[in-house]
Each structure stands twice: as C-alpha cells, then as structure tokens.
Amino acid sequence: MKKYILIMCTLLLAQVSFSQSSEKQDVKEIKAVLKAQRLAWSKDNIEEFMEGYWKSDSLKFYGSNGVTYGWENTLERYKKAYPSEDHTGTLSFKINAVTKIAENAYYVLGEYHLKRNVGNADGVFMLVFKKIDGEWKIIVDTSC
C-alpha cells in the first residue's frame, strides 16, 4: 500500500511539474508574439503586426468605436486609424498578467504606450490568445 501511495505521489508531482513548465513555455511563446508585434508596429508595418492575430472572420476587436469583426476588417481599421509613421510611432507594452483560462488559451492584461509625432497615446488592453495550428494567435482584442 505504501509503495502504491509513493508511486501515485511521484506521478502527481511529475504531472504538476510538467504542467508548470508547459505553462511557462506557453507564456514565453505568447510574449514572443507580442514582441514581434511591437517591433513590426514600431517599423510602421501594420501587415506584419497583424500576423499575431487569427486570420479569420471570427476575430473580434473591441475598441472605443465598437466591435470590428474579422481579420481583414481589423487590418483596415488599423490602416485607417494609423495612416502614417507619424501615427504609428514607437510602441511599448507593459504586460500586467498572462493567465491561463483553458487548455491552449490565455488572456493577457496590459498597457500600451505610443510615442509619436502626432501626440503620444496610452491605453489598456485585454487579449485572448489561443493556440491554433501550433501557433499562438490573438482571437479577441479589447483595447482602449
């Protein structure tokens, strides 16, 4: 009986350890997506920035002007709101939390800061990331 309990405890600890290292890897990969987006935005490359988003009509972007549905519409929204390098400027993030909400899904809470020629802009965001075809993609963006 003691041997059985010892084996069960060992298996449980191994599973917890694997789960924690898996979550750490997930967070690292999600932060890498955000870094790539930050760098693309700061190069005034909105198309490259959009690579972090799910390329689907089911993508949802919630902003101060309401909801935008779909990847193409979100791209057009960004291009209209940020028509030049003076408007995109240099992006920085402060990530406040990356929290697992389900298997292969996390939410990210943070702050964004744009240093730009037309006036700086700051705001907050909540992103929902989902692992799709082996890649982390934003499926919901709430930024204001």
Protein backbone atom coordinates (compact mmCIF):
# COMPACT_ATOMS: atom_id res chain seq x y z
CA MET A 1 0.00 0.00 0.00
CA LYS A 2 2.81 2.42 0.90
CA LYS A 3 4.51 1.63 -2.39
CA TYR A 4 1.27 2.41 -4.27
CA ILE A 5 0.89 5.76 -2.46
CA LEU A 6 4.54 6.63 -3.18
CA ILE A 7 4.08 5.85 -6.88
CA MET A 8 0.89 7.93 -7.06
CA CYS A 9 2.55 10.89 -5.31
CA THR A 10 5.53 10.68 -7.68
CA LEU A 11 3.24 10.65 -10.73
CA LEU A 12 1.21 13.58 -9.38
CA LEU A 13 4.33 15.66 -8.74
CA ALA A 14 5.65 14.84 -12.22
CA GLN A 15 2.37 15.96 -13.78
CA VAL A 16 2.32 19.22 -11.79
CA SER A 17 5.94 19.90 -12.75
CA PHE A 18 5.24 19.22 -16.44
CA SER A 19 2.14 21.44 -16.33
CA GLN A 20 4.10 24.32 -14.79
CA SER A 21 6.92 24.04 -17.33
CA SER A 22 4.36 23.80 -20.16
CA GLU A 23 2.63 26.96 -18.92
CA LYS A 24 5.98 28.76 -18.66
CA GLN A 25 6.70 27.79 -22.26
CA ASP A 26 3.25 29.00 -23.35
CA VAL A 27 3.79 32.37 -21.66
CA LYS A 28 7.23 32.67 -23.25
CA GLU A 29 5.76 31.98 -26.70
CA ILE A 30 2.88 34.44 -26.18
CA LYS A 31 5.31 37.15 -25.09
CA ALA A 32 7.36 36.43 -28.23
CA VAL A 33 4.26 37.12 -30.36
CA LEU A 34 3.76 40.42 -28.53
CA LYS A 35 7.41 41.35 -29.01
CA ALA A 36 7.18 40.64 -32.75
CA GLN A 37 4.05 42.80 -32.91
CA ARG A 38 5.75 45.63 -31.01
CA LEU A 39 8.72 45.57 -33.37
CA ALA A 40 6.53 45.42 -36.50
CA TRP A 41 4.34 48.29 -35.29
CA SER A 42 7.37 50.43 -34.49
CA LYS A 43 8.59 49.86 -38.08
CA ASP A 44 5.20 51.13 -39.35
CA ASN A 45 4.46 47.64 -40.69
CA ILE A 46 0.81 47.05 -39.81
CA GLU A 47 0.54 43.95 -42.02
CA GLU A 48 3.40 42.27 -40.11
CA PHE A 49 1.84 43.44 -36.82
CA MET A 50 -1.38 41.67 -37.86
CA GLU A 51 0.44 38.32 -38.11
CA GLY A 52 -0.19 37.99 -34.36
CA TYR A 53 -3.92 37.88 -34.99
CA TRP A 54 -6.07 34.92 -36.01
CA LYS A 55 -6.64 35.25 -39.75
CA SER A 56 -10.36 34.52 -39.53
CA ASP A 57 -13.72 36.22 -39.92
CA SER A 58 -14.30 35.17 -36.29
CA LEU A 59 -11.58 37.51 -34.93
CA LYS A 60 -13.12 40.18 -32.68
CA PHE A 61 -11.63 43.61 -31.93
CA TYR A 62 -13.39 45.68 -29.27
CA GLY A 63 -12.33 49.33 -29.34
CA SER A 64 -13.65 52.76 -28.46
CA ASN A 65 -15.72 52.82 -31.70
CA GLY A 66 -17.39 49.47 -31.10
CA VAL A 67 -16.70 45.96 -32.35
CA THR A 68 -14.81 45.08 -35.52
CA TYR A 69 -15.29 41.53 -36.80
CA GLY A 70 -12.73 39.66 -38.88
CA TRP A 71 -9.04 39.86 -39.68
CA GLU A 72 -9.43 41.90 -42.90
CA ASN A 73 -11.73 44.43 -41.23
CA THR A 74 -9.34 44.75 -38.29
CA LEU A 75 -6.44 45.37 -40.68
CA GLU A 76 -8.45 48.07 -42.47
CA ARG A 77 -9.42 49.62 -39.14
CA TYR A 78 -5.75 49.86 -38.15
CA LYS A 79 -4.72 51.31 -41.52
CA LYS A 80 -7.44 53.96 -41.32
CA ALA A 81 -6.68 54.92 -37.70
CA TYR A 82 -2.89 54.88 -38.20
CA PRO A 83 -2.31 56.11 -41.79
CA SER A 84 1.38 57.02 -41.47
CA GLU A 85 4.54 56.52 -39.45
CA ASP A 86 3.70 59.76 -37.59
CA HIS A 87 0.59 57.98 -36.31
CA THR A 88 2.06 54.55 -35.54
CA GLY A 89 5.14 55.88 -33.80
CA THR A 90 7.02 53.64 -31.38
CA LEU A 91 5.04 51.07 -29.42
CA SER A 92 5.85 49.75 -25.97
CA PHE A 93 3.90 47.41 -23.71
CA LYS A 94 3.67 46.79 -20.01
CA ILE A 95 2.36 43.26 -19.52
CA ASN A 96 0.48 43.05 -16.21
CA ALA A 97 -0.73 39.43 -16.36
CA VAL A 98 -0.71 36.37 -18.58
CA THR A 99 -3.28 33.92 -17.23
CA LYS A 100 -4.33 30.50 -18.43
CA ILE A 101 -8.09 30.25 -18.92
CA ALA A 102 -8.36 26.88 -20.65
CA GLU A 103 -6.20 24.31 -22.39
CA ASN A 104 -4.40 26.24 -25.15
CA ALA A 105 -5.98 29.58 -24.18
CA TYR A 106 -4.71 32.54 -22.15
CA TYR A 107 -5.68 36.12 -21.54
CA VAL A 108 -3.15 38.94 -21.38
CA LEU A 109 -3.75 42.17 -19.49
CA GLY A 110 -1.52 45.11 -20.18
CA GLU A 111 -0.90 48.71 -21.07
CA TYR A 112 0.31 50.17 -24.33
CA HIS A 113 2.23 53.36 -24.93
CA LEU A 114 2.72 55.04 -28.30
CA LYS A 115 5.40 57.68 -28.63
CA ARG A 116 4.62 59.52 -31.84
CA ASN A 117 4.89 62.82 -33.70
CA VAL A 118 1.13 63.49 -33.73
CA GLY A 119 0.95 63.18 -29.94
CA ASN A 120 1.56 60.27 -27.64
CA ALA A 121 -1.19 57.79 -26.83
CA ASP A 122 -1.66 55.42 -23.92
CA GLY A 123 -4.25 52.82 -23.09
CA VAL A 124 -5.02 49.40 -21.74
CA PHE A 125 -5.79 46.08 -23.39
CA MET A 126 -7.01 42.59 -22.77
CA LEU A 127 -6.11 39.97 -25.37
CA VAL A 128 -7.30 36.40 -25.62
CA PHE A 129 -4.71 34.09 -27.16
CA LYS A 130 -5.46 30.64 -28.48
CA LYS A 131 -3.05 28.07 -29.89
CA ILE A 132 -4.22 27.41 -33.45
CA ASP A 133 -2.34 25.03 -35.75
CA GLY A 134 0.62 25.13 -33.36
CA GLU A 135 0.83 28.95 -33.21
CA TRP A 136 -0.39 31.42 -30.61
CA LYS A 137 -2.87 33.86 -32.15
CA ILE A 138 -4.98 36.68 -30.75
CA ILE A 139 -8.63 35.74 -31.19
CA VAL A 140 -10.11 38.65 -29.19
CA ASP A 141 -8.61 42.11 -28.63
CA THR A 142 -10.13 44.67 -26.31
CA SER A 143 -8.08 47.86 -26.47
CA CYS A 144 -8.95 51.34 -25.34
